[in-house]
Amino acid sequence: MAPHVLGGTRAGRLEWPSRSERGTIERMSSPHGRVAQAMEAVPRADYLPRGQRRHAAADEPLPLGDGSTCSQPSTVARMLSMLDPHPDQRVLDVGAGSGWTTALLANLVEPRGRVFGVEIIPRLVRSANKRLAASGVTNGEVHRATEGQLGLPQFAPFDRILVSAMTAKLPQDLVDQLADGGRMVIPVDGRMTTVRRTGTAIAEHSEGHYRFVPLQ
């Protein structure tokens, strides 16, 4: 979930995907370009308000209402590639928004994986679940966030955690929901950060410059 002006944006490219961008996604993903394949299989337009669907190909954040956006595709592709979800994994999708990232992740963890989206805006929770059901997604759903609680600790641990909202520092509550060997991708203080957990050891790597709505 990203703000309607700055939402999940890194660059000002206009159309998605170009031939060079597709090649970049495939190189960042597995050898078979799993992220690129998922983005082809899960159209962004299916997860946008009716008035925004004609803009689905634009590589820019699009408004969902209530100050939320559907992040630009190049940012989503980059985050998914960094996250590197695998079939049969359990994934937490924080800031699920329209449900598009939940659907993409559900595609990537098929056949026996499951995605648990969490979103703070009740209207978006309802619409996301309607869109997921209409798209035939059976291994992913979006839950309403509990005030004062990050993530969904009742369903932890998770092999992968995707966070589409900015934090000033790495939230320990989400780190605690990572499984041993798990990975989280989260924007921290303007930098896209990959977090890996091995036992009690935590390793972080940050890159780029991004802007998102604050994590609540």
N, C-alpha and C. Protein backbone atom coordinates (compact mmCIF):
# COMPACT_ATOMS: atom_id res chain seq x y z
N MET A 1 0.85 -1.18 0.00
CA MET A 1 0.00 0.00 0.00
C MET A 1 0.87 1.22 0.00
N ALA A 2 0.63 2.17 -0.92
CA ALA A 2 1.49 3.32 -1.05
C ALA A 2 0.67 4.58 -1.18
N PRO A 3 1.23 5.77 -0.90
CA PRO A 3 0.46 7.00 -0.97
C PRO A 3 0.10 7.38 -2.38
N HIS A 4 -0.99 8.18 -2.51
CA HIS A 4 -1.51 8.43 -3.84
C HIS A 4 -0.61 9.30 -4.69
N VAL A 5 0.34 10.02 -4.10
CA VAL A 5 1.27 10.83 -4.89
C VAL A 5 2.62 10.16 -5.02
N LEU A 6 3.10 9.61 -3.92
CA LEU A 6 4.45 9.08 -3.90
C LEU A 6 4.49 7.57 -3.98
N GLY A 7 3.32 6.94 -4.10
CA GLY A 7 3.17 5.53 -3.84
C GLY A 7 4.12 4.59 -4.52
N GLY A 8 4.96 3.94 -3.75
CA GLY A 8 5.79 2.85 -4.22
C GLY A 8 6.50 3.18 -5.51
N THR A 9 7.06 4.37 -5.60
CA THR A 9 7.58 4.79 -6.89
C THR A 9 9.07 5.01 -6.83
N ARG A 10 9.74 4.66 -7.92
CA ARG A 10 11.17 4.87 -8.00
C ARG A 10 11.54 5.71 -9.21
N ALA A 11 10.86 5.52 -10.32
CA ALA A 11 11.21 6.23 -11.53
C ALA A 11 9.95 6.61 -12.27
N GLY A 12 10.09 7.43 -13.34
CA GLY A 12 8.94 7.96 -14.02
C GLY A 12 8.62 7.29 -15.33
N ARG A 13 8.93 6.01 -15.48
CA ARG A 13 8.61 5.32 -16.73
C ARG A 13 7.11 5.28 -16.94
N LEU A 14 6.68 5.32 -18.19
CA LEU A 14 5.27 5.49 -18.47
C LEU A 14 4.54 4.21 -18.84
N GLU A 15 5.18 3.31 -19.56
CA GLU A 15 4.47 2.11 -20.00
C GLU A 15 5.17 0.86 -19.49
N TRP A 16 4.37 -0.15 -19.18
CA TRP A 16 4.88 -1.39 -18.57
C TRP A 16 4.30 -2.58 -19.29
N PRO A 17 5.10 -3.61 -19.59
CA PRO A 17 6.55 -3.59 -19.51
C PRO A 17 7.17 -3.39 -20.89
N SER A 18 8.26 -2.72 -20.96
CA SER A 18 8.99 -2.64 -22.23
C SER A 18 9.79 -3.92 -22.40
N ARG A 19 10.34 -4.11 -23.59
CA ARG A 19 11.12 -5.33 -23.83
C ARG A 19 12.32 -5.40 -22.90
N SER A 20 13.00 -4.26 -22.70
CA SER A 20 14.17 -4.27 -21.83
C SER A 20 13.79 -4.54 -20.38
N GLU A 21 12.64 -3.98 -19.94
CA GLU A 21 12.19 -4.21 -18.57
C GLU A 21 11.81 -5.67 -18.37
N ARG A 22 11.17 -6.28 -19.36
CA ARG A 22 10.83 -7.70 -19.24
C ARG A 22 12.10 -8.54 -19.09
N GLY A 23 13.12 -8.22 -19.87
CA GLY A 23 14.38 -8.96 -19.75
C GLY A 23 15.00 -8.78 -18.39
N THR A 24 14.89 -7.56 -17.83
CA THR A 24 15.45 -7.30 -16.51
C THR A 24 14.73 -8.12 -15.45
N ILE A 25 13.39 -8.18 -15.53
CA ILE A 25 12.63 -8.97 -14.56
C ILE A 25 13.03 -10.44 -14.63
N GLU A 26 13.17 -10.95 -15.84
CA GLU A 26 13.51 -12.37 -16.00
C GLU A 26 14.90 -12.66 -15.43
N ARG A 27 15.83 -11.72 -15.59
CA ARG A 27 17.17 -11.94 -15.03
C ARG A 27 17.13 -11.87 -13.52
N MET A 28 16.30 -10.96 -12.96
CA MET A 28 16.21 -10.83 -11.51
C MET A 28 15.48 -12.01 -10.88
N SER A 29 14.63 -12.64 -11.64
CA SER A 29 13.84 -13.75 -11.12
C SER A 29 14.60 -15.05 -11.28
N SER A 30 13.87 -16.15 -11.15
CA SER A 30 14.46 -17.46 -11.37
C SER A 30 14.81 -17.59 -12.85
N PRO A 31 15.54 -18.66 -13.21
CA PRO A 31 15.89 -18.83 -14.63
C PRO A 31 14.67 -18.85 -15.55
N HIS A 32 13.52 -19.20 -15.05
CA HIS A 32 12.33 -19.29 -15.88
C HIS A 32 11.48 -18.02 -15.83
N GLY A 33 12.03 -16.98 -15.25
CA GLY A 33 11.29 -15.72 -15.21
C GLY A 33 9.97 -15.82 -14.49
N ARG A 34 9.98 -16.42 -13.28
CA ARG A 34 8.72 -16.68 -12.59
C ARG A 34 7.96 -15.41 -12.24
N VAL A 35 8.66 -14.35 -11.90
CA VAL A 35 7.96 -13.11 -11.57
C VAL A 35 7.29 -12.54 -12.81
N ALA A 36 8.00 -12.53 -13.94
CA ALA A 36 7.41 -12.04 -15.19
C ALA A 36 6.20 -12.87 -15.58
N GLN A 37 6.30 -14.17 -15.41
CA GLN A 37 5.18 -15.05 -15.74
C GLN A 37 3.98 -14.79 -14.83
N ALA A 38 4.25 -14.57 -13.54
CA ALA A 38 3.15 -14.29 -12.61
C ALA A 38 2.46 -12.98 -12.97
N MET A 39 3.24 -11.98 -13.36
CA MET A 39 2.64 -10.69 -13.69
C MET A 39 1.83 -10.75 -14.99
N GLU A 40 2.19 -11.65 -15.86
CA GLU A 40 1.36 -11.88 -17.05
C GLU A 40 0.09 -12.63 -16.70
N ALA A 41 0.19 -13.56 -15.75
CA ALA A 41 -0.95 -14.40 -15.38
C ALA A 41 -1.97 -13.67 -14.50
N VAL A 42 -1.51 -12.62 -13.82
CA VAL A 42 -2.35 -11.90 -12.86
C VAL A 42 -2.44 -10.44 -13.31
N PRO A 43 -3.37 -10.10 -14.19
CA PRO A 43 -3.44 -8.73 -14.71
C PRO A 43 -3.70 -7.70 -13.63
N ARG A 44 -2.93 -6.63 -13.66
CA ARG A 44 -3.13 -5.54 -12.71
C ARG A 44 -4.54 -4.95 -12.82
N ALA A 45 -5.06 -4.87 -14.04
CA ALA A 45 -6.37 -4.27 -14.26
C ALA A 45 -7.47 -4.95 -13.45
N ASP A 46 -7.33 -6.24 -13.20
CA ASP A 46 -8.34 -6.98 -12.46
C ASP A 46 -8.43 -6.53 -11.00
N TYR A 47 -7.41 -5.81 -10.53
CA TYR A 47 -7.35 -5.40 -9.12
C TYR A 47 -7.39 -3.89 -8.96
N LEU A 48 -7.90 -3.21 -9.97
CA LEU A 48 -8.03 -1.76 -9.93
C LEU A 48 -9.49 -1.35 -9.93
N PRO A 49 -9.80 -0.18 -9.36
CA PRO A 49 -11.16 0.35 -9.49
C PRO A 49 -11.50 0.55 -10.97
N ARG A 50 -12.76 0.46 -11.30
CA ARG A 50 -13.18 0.52 -12.70
C ARG A 50 -12.61 1.74 -13.42
N GLY A 51 -12.61 2.89 -12.76
CA GLY A 51 -12.14 4.11 -13.40
C GLY A 51 -10.64 4.15 -13.64
N GLN A 52 -9.89 3.25 -13.02
CA GLN A 52 -8.43 3.24 -13.18
C GLN A 52 -7.93 2.13 -14.11
N ARG A 53 -8.82 1.25 -14.53
CA ARG A 53 -8.37 0.09 -15.29
C ARG A 53 -7.72 0.45 -16.62
N ARG A 54 -8.17 1.54 -17.22
CA ARG A 54 -7.57 1.94 -18.50
C ARG A 54 -6.12 2.39 -18.34
N HIS A 55 -5.70 2.65 -17.10
CA HIS A 55 -4.33 3.07 -16.83
C HIS A 55 -3.45 1.92 -16.33
N ALA A 56 -3.95 0.70 -16.40
CA ALA A 56 -3.25 -0.43 -15.79
C ALA A 56 -1.85 -0.63 -16.33
N ALA A 57 -1.61 -0.28 -17.60
CA ALA A 57 -0.29 -0.48 -18.21
C ALA A 57 0.71 0.60 -17.81
N ALA A 58 0.25 1.67 -17.19
CA ALA A 58 1.15 2.77 -16.82
C ALA A 58 2.05 2.34 -15.66
N ASP A 59 3.32 2.60 -15.78
CA ASP A 59 4.26 2.25 -14.71
C ASP A 59 4.30 3.38 -13.69
N GLU A 60 3.21 3.50 -12.97
CA GLU A 60 3.06 4.53 -11.96
C GLU A 60 2.03 4.05 -10.95
N PRO A 61 2.07 4.58 -9.72
CA PRO A 61 1.05 4.20 -8.74
C PRO A 61 -0.30 4.74 -9.15
N LEU A 62 -1.35 3.96 -8.90
CA LEU A 62 -2.71 4.36 -9.25
C LEU A 62 -3.58 4.39 -8.00
N PRO A 63 -4.45 5.41 -7.87
CA PRO A 63 -5.22 5.56 -6.64
C PRO A 63 -6.29 4.49 -6.45
N LEU A 64 -6.41 4.06 -5.20
CA LEU A 64 -7.45 3.11 -4.81
C LEU A 64 -8.51 3.76 -3.93
N GLY A 65 -8.26 5.01 -3.53
CA GLY A 65 -9.13 5.68 -2.58
C GLY A 65 -8.59 5.58 -1.17
N ASP A 66 -9.09 6.43 -0.29
CA ASP A 66 -8.66 6.45 1.12
C ASP A 66 -7.16 6.68 1.26
N GLY A 67 -6.56 7.41 0.30
CA GLY A 67 -5.13 7.71 0.37
C GLY A 67 -4.23 6.55 0.01
N SER A 68 -4.79 5.48 -0.54
CA SER A 68 -4.00 4.29 -0.90
C SER A 68 -3.79 4.22 -2.40
N THR A 69 -2.77 3.49 -2.81
CA THR A 69 -2.55 3.27 -4.23
C THR A 69 -2.17 1.82 -4.50
N CYS A 70 -2.28 1.46 -5.75
CA CYS A 70 -1.69 0.22 -6.27
C CYS A 70 -0.32 0.62 -6.81
N SER A 71 0.74 0.12 -6.19
CA SER A 71 2.10 0.55 -6.53
C SER A 71 2.44 0.26 -7.98
N GLN A 72 3.43 1.01 -8.49
CA GLN A 72 3.79 0.86 -9.88
C GLN A 72 4.40 -0.52 -10.14
N PRO A 73 4.12 -1.11 -11.30
CA PRO A 73 4.54 -2.48 -11.59
C PRO A 73 6.04 -2.72 -11.46
N SER A 74 6.86 -1.77 -11.87
CA SER A 74 8.31 -2.02 -11.79
C SER A 74 8.76 -2.17 -10.35
N THR A 75 8.16 -1.41 -9.43
CA THR A 75 8.49 -1.54 -8.02
C THR A 75 8.02 -2.88 -7.47
N VAL A 76 6.81 -3.27 -7.82
CA VAL A 76 6.28 -4.56 -7.39
C VAL A 76 7.15 -5.71 -7.90
N ALA A 77 7.54 -5.62 -9.18
CA ALA A 77 8.38 -6.67 -9.76
C ALA A 77 9.73 -6.76 -9.04
N ARG A 78 10.30 -5.61 -8.73
CA ARG A 78 11.59 -5.60 -8.03
C ARG A 78 11.47 -6.23 -6.65
N MET A 79 10.42 -5.85 -5.93
CA MET A 79 10.23 -6.39 -4.59
C MET A 79 10.00 -7.90 -4.61
N LEU A 80 9.20 -8.38 -5.55
CA LEU A 80 8.95 -9.82 -5.65
C LEU A 80 10.21 -10.57 -6.01
N SER A 81 11.03 -9.99 -6.88
CA SER A 81 12.28 -10.64 -7.25
C SER A 81 13.23 -10.72 -6.06
N MET A 82 13.28 -9.66 -5.27
CA MET A 82 14.11 -9.67 -4.07
C MET A 82 13.58 -10.67 -3.05
N LEU A 83 12.26 -10.78 -2.96
CA LEU A 83 11.66 -11.71 -1.99
C LEU A 83 11.89 -13.16 -2.38
N ASP A 84 11.82 -13.44 -3.69
CA ASP A 84 12.08 -14.78 -4.23
C ASP A 84 11.21 -15.86 -3.57
N PRO A 85 9.89 -15.72 -3.64
CA PRO A 85 9.03 -16.76 -3.07
C PRO A 85 9.06 -18.03 -3.91
N HIS A 86 8.90 -19.17 -3.24
CA HIS A 86 8.96 -20.46 -3.90
C HIS A 86 7.65 -21.22 -3.70
N PRO A 87 7.37 -22.18 -4.58
CA PRO A 87 6.16 -22.99 -4.41
C PRO A 87 6.08 -23.60 -3.01
N ASP A 88 4.85 -23.65 -2.50
CA ASP A 88 4.51 -24.30 -1.24
C ASP A 88 4.92 -23.52 0.00
N GLN A 89 5.40 -22.29 -0.16
CA GLN A 89 5.76 -21.48 1.01
C GLN A 89 4.55 -20.74 1.56
N ARG A 90 4.68 -20.34 2.83
CA ARG A 90 3.68 -19.50 3.50
C ARG A 90 4.19 -18.06 3.47
N VAL A 91 3.34 -17.14 3.01
CA VAL A 91 3.77 -15.76 2.80
C VAL A 91 2.81 -14.80 3.49
N LEU A 92 3.38 -13.77 4.11
CA LEU A 92 2.62 -12.67 4.69
C LEU A 92 2.77 -11.45 3.79
N ASP A 93 1.64 -10.85 3.39
CA ASP A 93 1.63 -9.68 2.51
C ASP A 93 1.07 -8.50 3.30
N VAL A 94 1.97 -7.65 3.81
CA VAL A 94 1.58 -6.53 4.67
C VAL A 94 1.31 -5.30 3.81
N GLY A 95 0.12 -4.71 3.96
CA GLY A 95 -0.28 -3.59 3.12
C GLY A 95 -0.79 -4.10 1.79
N ALA A 96 -1.71 -5.05 1.83
CA ALA A 96 -2.16 -5.77 0.64
C ALA A 96 -2.94 -4.89 -0.33
N GLY A 97 -3.52 -3.78 0.16
CA GLY A 97 -4.20 -2.84 -0.73
C GLY A 97 -5.31 -3.47 -1.54
N SER A 98 -5.17 -3.42 -2.86
CA SER A 98 -6.21 -3.93 -3.77
C SER A 98 -6.25 -5.44 -3.84
N GLY A 99 -5.23 -6.11 -3.31
CA GLY A 99 -5.14 -7.57 -3.40
C GLY A 99 -4.26 -8.04 -4.54
N TRP A 100 -3.72 -7.12 -5.35
CA TRP A 100 -2.90 -7.54 -6.50
C TRP A 100 -1.64 -8.27 -6.05
N THR A 101 -0.92 -7.72 -5.06
CA THR A 101 0.30 -8.42 -4.62
C THR A 101 -0.05 -9.76 -3.97
N THR A 102 -1.17 -9.83 -3.28
CA THR A 102 -1.60 -11.11 -2.70
C THR A 102 -1.84 -12.14 -3.80
N ALA A 103 -2.48 -11.71 -4.88
CA ALA A 103 -2.74 -12.61 -6.00
C ALA A 103 -1.44 -13.03 -6.69
N LEU A 104 -0.52 -12.09 -6.88
CA LEU A 104 0.77 -12.42 -7.49
C LEU A 104 1.53 -13.44 -6.64
N LEU A 105 1.56 -13.20 -5.34
CA LEU A 105 2.24 -14.12 -4.44
C LEU A 105 1.56 -15.49 -4.43
N ALA A 106 0.23 -15.50 -4.46
CA ALA A 106 -0.49 -16.77 -4.50
C ALA A 106 -0.11 -17.58 -5.73
N ASN A 107 0.06 -16.89 -6.85
CA ASN A 107 0.49 -17.56 -8.07
C ASN A 107 1.90 -18.15 -7.91
N LEU A 108 2.77 -17.41 -7.26
CA LEU A 108 4.17 -17.81 -7.13
C LEU A 108 4.38 -18.96 -6.15
N VAL A 109 3.45 -19.14 -5.20
CA VAL A 109 3.64 -20.21 -4.21
C VAL A 109 2.75 -21.42 -4.47
N GLU A 110 2.05 -21.43 -5.61
CA GLU A 110 1.27 -22.62 -5.96
C GLU A 110 2.20 -23.83 -6.09
N PRO A 111 1.72 -25.07 -5.86
CA PRO A 111 0.31 -25.43 -5.67
C PRO A 111 -0.15 -25.48 -4.21
N ARG A 112 0.78 -25.64 -3.25
CA ARG A 112 0.35 -25.86 -1.87
C ARG A 112 0.72 -24.72 -0.94
N GLY A 113 1.29 -23.64 -1.47
CA GLY A 113 1.60 -22.50 -0.64
C GLY A 113 0.35 -21.69 -0.30
N ARG A 114 0.50 -20.77 0.65
CA ARG A 114 -0.65 -19.94 1.05
C ARG A 114 -0.16 -18.53 1.36
N VAL A 115 -0.99 -17.55 1.01
CA VAL A 115 -0.66 -16.14 1.23
C VAL A 115 -1.69 -15.52 2.17
N PHE A 116 -1.18 -14.84 3.19
CA PHE A 116 -2.01 -14.17 4.17
C PHE A 116 -1.79 -12.67 4.02
N GLY A 117 -2.72 -11.99 3.34
CA GLY A 117 -2.62 -10.55 3.21
C GLY A 117 -3.19 -9.88 4.45
N VAL A 118 -2.70 -8.67 4.73
CA VAL A 118 -3.23 -7.89 5.84
C VAL A 118 -3.30 -6.43 5.40
N GLU A 119 -4.43 -5.79 5.70
CA GLU A 119 -4.69 -4.43 5.23
C GLU A 119 -5.48 -3.68 6.30
N ILE A 120 -5.16 -2.40 6.49
CA ILE A 120 -5.76 -1.64 7.58
C ILE A 120 -7.10 -1.01 7.20
N ILE A 121 -7.37 -0.80 5.92
CA ILE A 121 -8.59 -0.11 5.48
C ILE A 121 -9.68 -1.15 5.20
N PRO A 122 -10.75 -1.15 5.98
CA PRO A 122 -11.78 -2.20 5.83
C PRO A 122 -12.35 -2.30 4.43
N ARG A 123 -12.61 -1.17 3.78
CA ARG A 123 -13.18 -1.21 2.43
C ARG A 123 -12.27 -1.94 1.47
N LEU A 124 -10.95 -1.72 1.59
CA LEU A 124 -10.01 -2.40 0.72
C LEU A 124 -9.92 -3.89 1.02
N VAL A 125 -10.07 -4.25 2.29
CA VAL A 125 -10.08 -5.68 2.65
C VAL A 125 -11.23 -6.38 1.94
N ARG A 126 -12.41 -5.76 2.00
CA ARG A 126 -13.58 -6.38 1.38
C ARG A 126 -13.42 -6.47 -0.14
N SER A 127 -13.00 -5.38 -0.75
CA SER A 127 -12.88 -5.38 -2.22
C SER A 127 -11.76 -6.31 -2.68
N ALA A 128 -10.66 -6.37 -1.93
CA ALA A 128 -9.56 -7.27 -2.30
C ALA A 128 -10.03 -8.72 -2.29
N ASN A 129 -10.76 -9.11 -1.26
CA ASN A 129 -11.22 -10.50 -1.18
C ASN A 129 -12.24 -10.82 -2.27
N LYS A 130 -13.07 -9.83 -2.64
CA LYS A 130 -13.99 -10.05 -3.76
C LYS A 130 -13.23 -10.26 -5.06
N ARG A 131 -12.19 -9.47 -5.28
CA ARG A 131 -11.41 -9.60 -6.51
C ARG A 131 -10.64 -10.91 -6.53
N LEU A 132 -10.10 -11.31 -5.39
CA LEU A 132 -9.39 -12.59 -5.34
C LEU A 132 -10.34 -13.74 -5.67
N ALA A 133 -11.54 -13.71 -5.09
CA ALA A 133 -12.52 -14.77 -5.36
C ALA A 133 -12.93 -14.76 -6.82
N ALA A 134 -13.15 -13.57 -7.38
CA ALA A 134 -13.56 -13.46 -8.78
C ALA A 134 -12.48 -13.97 -9.73
N SER A 135 -11.21 -13.86 -9.30
CA SER A 135 -10.09 -14.32 -10.12
C SER A 135 -9.78 -15.79 -9.91
N GLY A 136 -10.51 -16.44 -9.01
CA GLY A 136 -10.30 -17.86 -8.77
C GLY A 136 -9.13 -18.18 -7.87
N VAL A 137 -8.67 -17.19 -7.09
CA VAL A 137 -7.56 -17.43 -6.17
C VAL A 137 -8.09 -18.14 -4.94
N THR A 138 -7.60 -19.33 -4.68
CA THR A 138 -8.07 -20.11 -3.54
C THR A 138 -7.02 -20.28 -2.45
N ASN A 139 -5.81 -19.82 -2.70
CA ASN A 139 -4.72 -20.00 -1.72
C ASN A 139 -4.23 -18.67 -1.17
N GLY A 140 -5.10 -17.66 -1.19
CA GLY A 140 -4.73 -16.36 -0.64
C GLY A 140 -5.97 -15.58 -0.24
N GLU A 141 -5.86 -14.82 0.87
CA GLU A 141 -6.94 -13.97 1.32
C GLU A 141 -6.35 -12.78 2.05
N VAL A 142 -7.16 -11.74 2.25
CA VAL A 142 -6.71 -10.54 2.93
C VAL A 142 -7.49 -10.39 4.23
N HIS A 143 -6.75 -10.19 5.32
CA HIS A 143 -7.34 -10.02 6.65
C HIS A 143 -7.27 -8.55 7.06
N ARG A 144 -8.22 -8.13 7.85
CA ARG A 144 -8.19 -6.76 8.37
C ARG A 144 -7.14 -6.68 9.47
N ALA A 145 -6.32 -5.62 9.41
CA ALA A 145 -5.27 -5.44 10.41
C ALA A 145 -5.89 -5.15 11.78
N THR A 146 -5.24 -5.65 12.82
CA THR A 146 -5.64 -5.38 14.19
C THR A 146 -4.89 -4.16 14.69
N GLU A 147 -5.60 -3.20 15.23
CA GLU A 147 -4.96 -1.97 15.71
C GLU A 147 -3.90 -2.30 16.76
N GLY A 148 -2.73 -1.70 16.59
CA GLY A 148 -1.63 -1.91 17.53
C GLY A 148 -0.84 -3.18 17.29
N GLN A 149 -1.16 -3.92 16.24
CA GLN A 149 -0.47 -5.18 15.95
C GLN A 149 0.05 -5.18 14.52
N LEU A 150 1.30 -5.54 14.33
CA LEU A 150 1.87 -5.65 13.00
C LEU A 150 1.79 -7.09 12.51
N GLY A 151 1.40 -7.24 11.25
CA GLY A 151 1.37 -8.57 10.66
C GLY A 151 0.21 -9.40 11.17
N LEU A 152 0.42 -10.72 11.13
CA LEU A 152 -0.59 -11.68 11.58
C LEU A 152 0.11 -12.75 12.42
N PRO A 153 0.52 -12.41 13.63
CA PRO A 153 1.29 -13.36 14.44
C PRO A 153 0.55 -14.66 14.71
N GLN A 154 -0.79 -14.63 14.64
CA GLN A 154 -1.55 -15.85 14.89
C GLN A 154 -1.35 -16.90 13.80
N PHE A 155 -0.86 -16.48 12.63
CA PHE A 155 -0.61 -17.41 11.53
C PHE A 155 0.88 -17.67 11.30
N ALA A 156 1.74 -17.02 12.07
CA ALA A 156 3.18 -17.18 11.92
C ALA A 156 3.61 -18.60 12.34
N PRO A 157 4.79 -19.05 11.87
CA PRO A 157 5.80 -18.30 11.12
C PRO A 157 5.56 -18.32 9.62
N PHE A 158 6.20 -17.36 8.92
CA PHE A 158 6.10 -17.23 7.48
C PHE A 158 7.47 -17.41 6.83
N ASP A 159 7.47 -18.09 5.69
CA ASP A 159 8.72 -18.26 4.94
C ASP A 159 9.13 -16.96 4.26
N ARG A 160 8.15 -16.15 3.89
CA ARG A 160 8.41 -14.88 3.21
C ARG A 160 7.43 -13.83 3.74
N ILE A 161 7.93 -12.59 3.87
CA ILE A 161 7.09 -11.46 4.26
C ILE A 161 7.37 -10.31 3.30
N LEU A 162 6.33 -9.81 2.66
CA LEU A 162 6.42 -8.65 1.78
C LEU A 162 5.71 -7.50 2.48
N VAL A 163 6.40 -6.36 2.60
CA VAL A 163 5.83 -5.19 3.27
C VAL A 163 5.80 -4.03 2.28
N SER A 164 4.61 -3.52 1.99
CA SER A 164 4.46 -2.42 1.04
C SER A 164 4.13 -1.12 1.76
N ALA A 165 4.88 -0.82 2.80
CA ALA A 165 4.73 0.43 3.56
C ALA A 165 6.06 0.71 4.24
N MET A 166 6.35 2.00 4.44
CA MET A 166 7.66 2.43 4.94
C MET A 166 7.73 2.38 6.47
N THR A 167 8.91 1.99 6.97
CA THR A 167 9.19 2.07 8.40
C THR A 167 10.47 2.87 8.61
N ALA A 168 10.59 3.49 9.78
CA ALA A 168 11.81 4.23 10.09
C ALA A 168 12.93 3.29 10.49
N LYS A 169 12.56 2.15 11.06
CA LYS A 169 13.53 1.14 11.43
C LYS A 169 12.89 -0.23 11.27
N LEU A 170 13.71 -1.25 11.25
CA LEU A 170 13.20 -2.61 11.05
C LEU A 170 12.32 -3.01 12.24
N PRO A 171 11.04 -3.37 11.98
CA PRO A 171 10.13 -3.73 13.08
C PRO A 171 10.39 -5.15 13.60
N GLN A 172 10.73 -5.24 14.87
CA GLN A 172 11.03 -6.54 15.46
C GLN A 172 9.82 -7.45 15.45
N ASP A 173 8.62 -6.88 15.54
CA ASP A 173 7.41 -7.70 15.54
C ASP A 173 7.28 -8.51 14.25
N LEU A 174 7.71 -7.93 13.13
CA LEU A 174 7.66 -8.67 11.87
C LEU A 174 8.82 -9.65 11.75
N VAL A 175 9.98 -9.26 12.23
CA VAL A 175 11.13 -10.18 12.23
C VAL A 175 10.77 -11.44 13.01
N ASP A 176 10.05 -11.26 14.12
CA ASP A 176 9.67 -12.40 14.96
C ASP A 176 8.71 -13.35 14.25
N GLN A 177 8.04 -12.87 13.19
CA GLN A 177 7.10 -13.71 12.44
C GLN A 177 7.76 -14.46 11.29
N LEU A 178 9.07 -14.21 11.07
CA LEU A 178 9.80 -14.93 10.03
C LEU A 178 10.20 -16.31 10.52
N ALA A 179 10.05 -17.28 9.65
CA ALA A 179 10.52 -18.63 9.95
C ALA A 179 12.04 -18.68 9.84
N ASP A 180 12.65 -19.68 10.45
CA ASP A 180 14.08 -19.91 10.28
C ASP A 180 14.35 -20.14 8.79
N GLY A 181 15.29 -19.41 8.24
CA GLY A 181 15.56 -19.49 6.81
C GLY A 181 14.67 -18.58 5.99
N GLY A 182 13.83 -17.79 6.67
CA GLY A 182 12.88 -16.92 5.99
C GLY A 182 13.50 -15.63 5.49
N ARG A 183 12.72 -14.91 4.69
CA ARG A 183 13.18 -13.66 4.08
C ARG A 183 12.04 -12.65 4.07
N MET A 184 12.40 -11.40 4.33
CA MET A 184 11.43 -10.30 4.29
C MET A 184 11.99 -9.18 3.41
N VAL A 185 11.11 -8.55 2.63
CA VAL A 185 11.47 -7.36 1.86
C VAL A 185 10.59 -6.23 2.36
N ILE A 186 11.24 -5.13 2.77
CA ILE A 186 10.53 -4.04 3.42
C ILE A 186 11.27 -2.73 3.17
N PRO A 187 10.55 -1.65 2.83
CA PRO A 187 11.21 -0.35 2.72
C PRO A 187 11.48 0.23 4.11
N VAL A 188 12.74 0.49 4.41
CA VAL A 188 13.14 1.02 5.71
C VAL A 188 13.90 2.33 5.49
N ASP A 189 13.33 3.40 6.00
CA ASP A 189 13.97 4.72 5.92
C ASP A 189 14.40 5.05 4.49
N GLY A 190 13.52 4.76 3.54
CA GLY A 190 13.77 5.12 2.16
C GLY A 190 14.56 4.13 1.34
N ARG A 191 15.01 3.05 1.95
CA ARG A 191 15.81 2.05 1.26
C ARG A 191 15.07 0.72 1.25
N MET A 192 15.09 0.03 0.10
CA MET A 192 14.46 -1.29 0.03
C MET A 192 15.40 -2.29 0.69
N THR A 193 14.90 -2.95 1.71
CA THR A 193 15.74 -3.78 2.56
C THR A 193 15.30 -5.24 2.50
N THR A 194 16.27 -6.11 2.28
CA THR A 194 16.05 -7.55 2.34
C THR A 194 16.57 -8.06 3.68
N VAL A 195 15.72 -8.76 4.40
CA VAL A 195 16.07 -9.29 5.71
C VAL A 195 16.05 -10.81 5.63
N ARG A 196 17.13 -11.44 6.07
CA ARG A 196 17.20 -12.90 6.10
C ARG A 196 17.42 -13.36 7.54
N ARG A 197 16.66 -14.41 7.90
CA ARG A 197 16.77 -14.95 9.25
C ARG A 197 17.35 -16.35 9.21
N THR A 198 18.39 -16.58 9.98
CA THR A 198 18.98 -17.90 10.15
C THR A 198 19.09 -18.16 11.64
N GLY A 199 18.19 -18.97 12.17
CA GLY A 199 18.15 -19.16 13.61
C GLY A 199 17.80 -17.84 14.27
N THR A 200 18.64 -17.37 15.16
CA THR A 200 18.43 -16.08 15.81
C THR A 200 19.21 -14.96 15.13
N ALA A 201 19.99 -15.30 14.11
CA ALA A 201 20.80 -14.30 13.41
C ALA A 201 19.98 -13.62 12.31
N ILE A 202 20.13 -12.30 12.20
CA ILE A 202 19.42 -11.52 11.20
C ILE A 202 20.44 -10.78 10.34
N ALA A 203 20.30 -10.94 9.02
CA ALA A 203 21.17 -10.24 8.07
C ALA A 203 20.32 -9.29 7.24
N GLU A 204 20.83 -8.07 7.00
CA GLU A 204 20.09 -7.07 6.23
C GLU A 204 20.93 -6.57 5.06
N HIS A 205 20.25 -6.30 3.96
CA HIS A 205 20.88 -5.66 2.80
C HIS A 205 19.92 -4.64 2.23
N SER A 206 20.39 -3.39 2.02
CA SER A 206 19.52 -2.32 1.54
C SER A 206 20.03 -1.77 0.22
N GLU A 207 19.09 -1.28 -0.61
CA GLU A 207 19.45 -0.71 -1.90
C GLU A 207 18.38 0.25 -2.36
N GLY A 208 18.72 1.10 -3.33
CA GLY A 208 17.77 1.99 -3.97
C GLY A 208 17.21 3.05 -3.06
N HIS A 209 16.29 3.84 -3.60
CA HIS A 209 15.60 4.89 -2.86
C HIS A 209 14.13 4.86 -3.26
N TYR A 210 13.26 4.65 -2.27
CA TYR A 210 11.84 4.48 -2.53
C TYR A 210 11.04 5.29 -1.51
N ARG A 211 9.77 5.56 -1.86
CA ARG A 211 8.87 6.25 -0.95
C ARG A 211 7.53 5.51 -0.89
N PHE A 212 7.10 5.26 0.33
CA PHE A 212 5.81 4.59 0.57
C PHE A 212 5.10 5.29 1.71
N VAL A 213 3.80 5.02 1.85
CA VAL A 213 3.07 5.47 3.01
C VAL A 213 3.64 4.80 4.26
N PRO A 214 3.62 5.46 5.42
CA PRO A 214 4.16 4.84 6.64
C PRO A 214 3.39 3.59 7.04
N LEU A 215 4.10 2.62 7.57
CA LEU A 215 3.49 1.41 8.09
C LEU A 215 2.72 1.74 9.36
N GLN A 216 1.48 1.22 9.43
CA GLN A 216 0.64 1.48 10.62
C GLN A 216 0.33 0.19 11.35
